[in-house]
Amino acid sequence: MDKRLDFTLSLESRLIYDRIVKVAVGDLLTYEEIATKIVHKPFAGVRSALASARRRALREQGMVFGVIRGEAIQRLSDTETVHRAANHQQKIRRAVRRGLQELVPVQYEQLSERDKSTYNARFSIYGALDVMTSTPGIKRVEAGVVQAQRNLDISETLRLFGVGE
């Protein structure tokens, strides 16, 4: 028996979802339209409903939307979606850097053995991610992909960084 929860969209999310799945590639859906014509509420009160509707459109329809800050969402083309991935890579790199910065001042000698192991594991992972998400790291993977003419599996990607040789 499947024990996953059945997530049901709120009324606002359902109304927004029903509208955004009709948005053509390149077209906009303004926040004003969402507020005045779809949910009949101030937009500030339905931001989370829009986020839920966008996640469902991605999951069920493969539709990706970008944001025009303060104005609208826009349905992205496949090319725009590929370029948007660079934004995610930059966010990941910033998060990794913050994680490293928080670990640096830790008084390692005062940690329990279990916490030392956790610290070392996190520091090692963050360090690897920092290298892999750097501009030279991304270029190294891009060069490997160009040579292979396909997606690389994890072991092939790690070999580009000298791991597993």
Foldseek 3Di string as FASTA:
>chain_A
DDPDDDDDADPLLVQLLVVVLPADAFDWDWLVCSCVPGPVHRSVVCPVSNVSSQVCCCVPVVWHWDDDPPITIGTHDPVVVVVCVLVVLVVLLVVLVVVLVVLVVDPLVPDDPVVNVVSVVSNVVSVVSNCCSDPVNVVLLVVVCVVVVHHDDPVVSVVSVVPPD
